[in-house]
Amino acid sequence: MKVRLPTVLPGLAVAVFLLSAGRNPCPGRAGGAAGYFVPPVVTIYLSFDDGPCKGSEEVDRLATVDSVPVNVFVIGKYVFSSDSMNLLFRRYERNPMIEIGNHSFTHANKKYRKYYEDAGEVLADFNVNRDSLHLVNGIARLPGRNFWRIGKRRQEDIVNGKEAADSLAAQGYRVFGWDLEWRSDSLGLSVHSGREMLELVDKTVREERTFRAANIVILLHDPQLQNAEFLAELRDFIRRVREKSNYRFGHLSAYPDLEFPVGLAAKPLILTSR
């Protein structure tokens, strides 16, 4: 008796063959066996600037309750402005989900162009912040500027500050910018929903518009979390990210090519997809 085999479409046959050989039948640039597509694991870094201030308590609570790694870039002048601000900074220090970076002592007193005219003064300002707050990991972000100096890689902003970024890097600082900013309007409301922000992350990563492929640093600011609606959208974003198998959150101390100067050390590595 003859057994009639089912008809197999040519394309399906190729796919079955490739899968049986352990190869993904969908080609792509992201790698995989013989050039076949394998979705990259994308690390998202949530970074908050300008604390401690109103909203910092919510940043601390978000990191704890949602068990999400967070980087904060703090301003020394704000830490010493009052007992309550000093207390918020101490909470950051005690929170294992929070990693503290250097955002200068004065934040340029909000006179950015003049501030960056003297790279030596900028370096001194960061050193004062480092020493007064005992910041030991060398992670830094320039106030009002999106410069990068990580390992041998660098990226410039369109405004002045290049010499200051170079000066910090030469002294062992790891200067981080950001790939995507989560903005709020004049009322403190999020410009994007959590769903829209994830779509922006997807698009930015897919189009390779990040400083380092498959790594995306998102800029936020502590005061934004004073707004309950903004906070709700951020939490929705975190939930949606965790539903994607190839996305995870991490601390900047785990950023690729990050080398710490002698005597400097990061907190223990935290990477979480949950």
Foldseek 3Di string as FASTA:
>chain_A
DDDDDDDDDPVRVVCVVQVVVVFHPAADCPDTPPRRDDDAQFAEAEEAEEDDDPLLVVVLVCCVVVVFAYEYAYAQCQCPVDPVRVVSVVSLVPRLSYFYEHAFHCLLVPPPQVCQVDLVNRLVRRVVRCVVSVRFALEYEYRPAAWFDFAPAIDHGPGGNVSNVVVSVVVFHGYHGFQEEFDADPVLATPDALVVVVVVVVVCQVVVSDSDHSYGYYYDHSNSNVDVNNVVRVVVNLVVQLVDPSYKYWHPLPPPRHDGDPRGDTRPTDIGSD
